[in-house]
Amino acid sequence: MKVQIEETGHIASINAPQGRLGLVSMDIDLSDVVLQEPHLYRWNGAQFVLDADIQAEIEQSEKLASARLYLNETDFYITRKLETGSPVPQAIGAKRAKARALLASNLPEFEE
């Protein structure tokens, strides 16, 4: 495969040569994972690796998704408490509080 990379190591083109200055061309086979989302990877001098900043964003997104899922899956405890007065188990309440805090600390900035 003919791959061109930018000075940052990010993929500029795959089998579609660009005439821009500063691109480095290489003949290399890309894995299916890299081919599916080449914008997530950069060349580190030996191989294409997941960009560290993007990897951190993915991990943060997964944490937030996990927190939302946990809250959704345990909402019935809150409904049950409101309807019947049954207490929410302490471990569930504590974990829900952590999930809410994680989500609240990652709210987008709102413009007034």
C-alpha atoms as a PDB file:
ATOM      1  CA  MET A   1       0.000   0.000   0.000  1.00  0.00           C
ATOM      2  CA  LYS A   2       1.237   3.493  -0.779  1.00  0.00           C
ATOM      3  CA  VAL A   3       0.809   5.594   2.356  1.00  0.00           C
ATOM      4  CA  GLN A   4       1.714   9.241   2.809  1.00  0.00           C
ATOM      5  CA  ILE A   5       2.204  10.650   6.273  1.00  0.00           C
ATOM      6  CA  GLU A   6       2.380  14.232   7.524  1.00  0.00           C
ATOM      7  CA  GLU A   7       5.212  15.621   9.640  1.00  0.00           C
ATOM      8  CA  THR A   8       3.067  14.876  12.707  1.00  0.00           C
ATOM      9  CA  GLY A   9       2.969  11.200  11.715  1.00  0.00           C
ATOM     10  CA  HIS A  10      -0.724  11.257  10.863  1.00  0.00           C
ATOM     11  CA  ILE A  11      -1.847   9.541   7.683  1.00  0.00           C
ATOM     12  CA  ALA A  12      -2.470  11.996   4.842  1.00  0.00           C
ATOM     13  CA  SER A  13      -3.404   9.496   2.129  1.00  0.00           C
ATOM     14  CA  ILE A  14      -3.692   5.808   1.395  1.00  0.00           C
ATOM     15  CA  ASN A  15      -3.194   4.759  -2.239  1.00  0.00           C
ATOM     16  CA  ALA A  16      -4.096   8.300  -3.327  1.00  0.00           C
ATOM     17  CA  PRO A  17      -0.842  10.276  -3.577  1.00  0.00           C
ATOM     18  CA  GLN A  18      -1.078  13.959  -2.690  1.00  0.00           C
ATOM     19  CA  GLY A  19       1.200  16.618  -4.153  1.00  0.00           C
ATOM     20  CA  ARG A  20       1.573  18.561  -0.903  1.00  0.00           C
ATOM     21  CA  LEU A  21       5.024  19.402   0.357  1.00  0.00           C
ATOM     22  CA  GLY A  22       6.210  17.810   3.555  1.00  0.00           C
ATOM     23  CA  LEU A  23       4.501  14.457   3.061  1.00  0.00           C
ATOM     24  CA  VAL A  24       6.589  11.316   3.443  1.00  0.00           C
ATOM     25  CA  SER A  25       5.686   8.360   1.245  1.00  0.00           C
ATOM     26  CA  MET A  26       6.093   4.756   2.301  1.00  0.00           C
ATOM     27  CA  ASP A  27       5.094   1.384   0.957  1.00  0.00           C
ATOM     28  CA  ILE A  28       3.568  -0.479   3.914  1.00  0.00           C
ATOM     29  CA  ASP A  29       0.705  -2.833   4.671  1.00  0.00           C
ATOM     30  CA  LEU A  30      -1.838  -1.367   7.076  1.00  0.00           C
ATOM     31  CA  SER A  31      -3.833  -3.515   9.466  1.00  0.00           C
ATOM     32  CA  ASP A  32      -7.598  -3.668   9.070  1.00  0.00           C
ATOM     33  CA  VAL A  33      -7.957  -1.686  12.312  1.00  0.00           C
ATOM     34  CA  VAL A  34      -5.849   1.197  10.962  1.00  0.00           C
ATOM     35  CA  LEU A  35      -7.620   1.057   7.594  1.00  0.00           C
ATOM     36  CA  GLN A  36     -11.026   1.413   9.272  1.00  0.00           C
ATOM     37  CA  GLU A  37     -10.123   4.672  11.060  1.00  0.00           C
ATOM     38  CA  PRO A  38      -6.770   5.948   9.793  1.00  0.00           C
ATOM     39  CA  HIS A  39      -7.323   9.417  11.303  1.00  0.00           C
ATOM     40  CA  LEU A  40      -6.895   7.892  14.778  1.00  0.00           C
ATOM     41  CA  TYR A  41      -3.361   6.647  14.127  1.00  0.00           C
ATOM     42  CA  ARG A  42       0.084   8.153  13.677  1.00  0.00           C
ATOM     43  CA  TRP A  43       3.464   6.809  12.624  1.00  0.00           C
ATOM     44  CA  ASN A  44       5.921   6.542  15.518  1.00  0.00           C
ATOM     45  CA  GLY A  45       8.917   5.713  13.346  1.00  0.00           C
ATOM     46  CA  ALA A  46       8.357   1.974  13.430  1.00  0.00           C
ATOM     47  CA  GLN A  47       4.603   1.397  13.220  1.00  0.00           C
ATOM     48  CA  PHE A  48       1.208   3.064  13.262  1.00  0.00           C
ATOM     49  CA  VAL A  49      -0.054   3.517  16.813  1.00  0.00           C
ATOM     50  CA  LEU A  50      -3.199   4.998  18.276  1.00  0.00           C
ATOM     51  CA  ASP A  51      -2.593   8.712  18.851  1.00  0.00           C
ATOM     52  CA  ALA A  52      -2.138   9.278  22.613  1.00  0.00           C
ATOM     53  CA  ASP A  53      -4.479  12.280  22.731  1.00  0.00           C
ATOM     54  CA  ILE A  54      -7.161  10.440  20.812  1.00  0.00           C
ATOM     55  CA  GLN A  55      -6.673   7.355  22.978  1.00  0.00           C
ATOM     56  CA  ALA A  56      -7.207   9.490  26.104  1.00  0.00           C
ATOM     57  CA  GLU A  57     -10.381  10.948  24.577  1.00  0.00           C
ATOM     58  CA  ILE A  58     -11.662   7.456  23.751  1.00  0.00           C
ATOM     59  CA  GLU A  59     -10.945   6.234  27.278  1.00  0.00           C
ATOM     60  CA  GLN A  60     -12.718   9.261  28.780  1.00  0.00           C
ATOM     61  CA  SER A  61     -15.720   8.732  26.495  1.00  0.00           C
ATOM     62  CA  GLU A  62     -15.878   5.083  27.544  1.00  0.00           C
ATOM     63  CA  LYS A  63     -15.821   6.080  31.239  1.00  0.00           C
ATOM     64  CA  LEU A  64     -18.639   8.558  30.706  1.00  0.00           C
ATOM     65  CA  ALA A  65     -20.673   6.017  28.738  1.00  0.00           C
ATOM     66  CA  SER A  66     -20.129   3.468  31.501  1.00  0.00           C
ATOM     67  CA  ALA A  67     -21.306   5.965  34.131  1.00  0.00           C
ATOM     68  CA  ARG A  68     -24.460   6.769  32.115  1.00  0.00           C
ATOM     69  CA  LEU A  69     -25.156   3.074  31.598  1.00  0.00           C
ATOM     70  CA  TYR A  70     -24.751   2.340  35.318  1.00  0.00           C
ATOM     71  CA  LEU A  71     -27.163   5.116  36.241  1.00  0.00           C
ATOM     72  CA  ASN A  72     -29.693   3.883  33.682  1.00  0.00           C
ATOM     73  CA  GLU A  73     -29.397   0.295  34.890  1.00  0.00           C
ATOM     74  CA  THR A  74     -29.870   1.241  38.543  1.00  0.00           C
ATOM     75  CA  ASP A  75     -32.611   3.853  38.134  1.00  0.00           C
ATOM     76  CA  PHE A  76     -35.148   1.250  39.250  1.00  0.00           C
ATOM     77  CA  TYR A  77     -33.753   1.484  42.798  1.00  0.00           C
ATOM     78  CA  ILE A  78     -34.666   5.173  42.883  1.00  0.00           C
ATOM     79  CA  THR A  79     -38.113   4.515  41.431  1.00  0.00           C
ATOM     80  CA  ARG A  80     -38.669   1.705  43.921  1.00  0.00           C
ATOM     81  CA  LYS A  81     -37.644   3.992  46.807  1.00  0.00           C
ATOM     82  CA  LEU A  82     -40.079   6.682  45.661  1.00  0.00           C
ATOM     83  CA  GLU A  83     -42.934   4.229  45.146  1.00  0.00           C
ATOM     84  CA  THR A  84     -42.479   1.868  48.088  1.00  0.00           C
ATOM     85  CA  GLY A  85     -40.008   3.502  50.442  1.00  0.00           C
ATOM     86  CA  SER A  86     -37.542   0.600  50.087  1.00  0.00           C
ATOM     87  CA  PRO A  87     -34.026   1.833  50.730  1.00  0.00           C
ATOM     88  CA  VAL A  88     -31.408   1.985  47.996  1.00  0.00           C
ATOM     89  CA  PRO A  89     -28.538  -0.376  48.919  1.00  0.00           C
ATOM     90  CA  GLN A  90     -25.614   1.634  50.275  1.00  0.00           C
ATOM     91  CA  ALA A  91     -23.118   0.289  47.706  1.00  0.00           C
ATOM     92  CA  ILE A  92     -25.490   1.169  44.856  1.00  0.00           C
ATOM     93  CA  GLY A  93     -26.046   4.677  46.223  1.00  0.00           C
ATOM     94  CA  ALA A  94     -22.318   5.274  46.615  1.00  0.00           C
ATOM     95  CA  LYS A  95     -21.547   4.074  43.110  1.00  0.00           C
ATOM     96  CA  ARG A  96     -24.391   6.150  41.661  1.00  0.00           C
ATOM     97  CA  ALA A  97     -22.969   9.213  43.426  1.00  0.00           C
ATOM     98  CA  LYS A  98     -19.550   8.551  41.841  1.00  0.00           C
ATOM     99  CA  ALA A  99     -21.160   8.142  38.414  1.00  0.00           C
ATOM    100  CA  ARG A 100     -23.104  11.401  38.791  1.00  0.00           C
ATOM    101  CA  ALA A 101     -19.966  13.243  39.959  1.00  0.00           C
ATOM    102  CA  LEU A 102     -17.992  11.950  36.959  1.00  0.00           C
ATOM    103  CA  LEU A 103     -20.710  13.059  34.576  1.00  0.00           C
ATOM    104  CA  ALA A 104     -21.163  16.423  36.292  1.00  0.00           C
ATOM    105  CA  SER A 105     -17.426  17.150  36.137  1.00  0.00           C
ATOM    106  CA  ASN A 106     -17.471  16.533  32.392  1.00  0.00           C
ATOM    107  CA  LEU A 107     -20.399  18.717  31.407  1.00  0.00           C
ATOM    108  CA  PRO A 108     -19.809  20.823  28.312  1.00  0.00           C
ATOM    109  CA  GLU A 109     -19.311  24.542  28.700  1.00  0.00           C
ATOM    110  CA  PHE A 110     -22.572  26.390  28.227  1.00  0.00           C
ATOM    111  CA  GLU A 111     -22.713  29.842  26.753  1.00  0.00           C
ATOM    112  CA  GLU A 112     -24.998  32.362  28.355  1.00  0.00           C
END
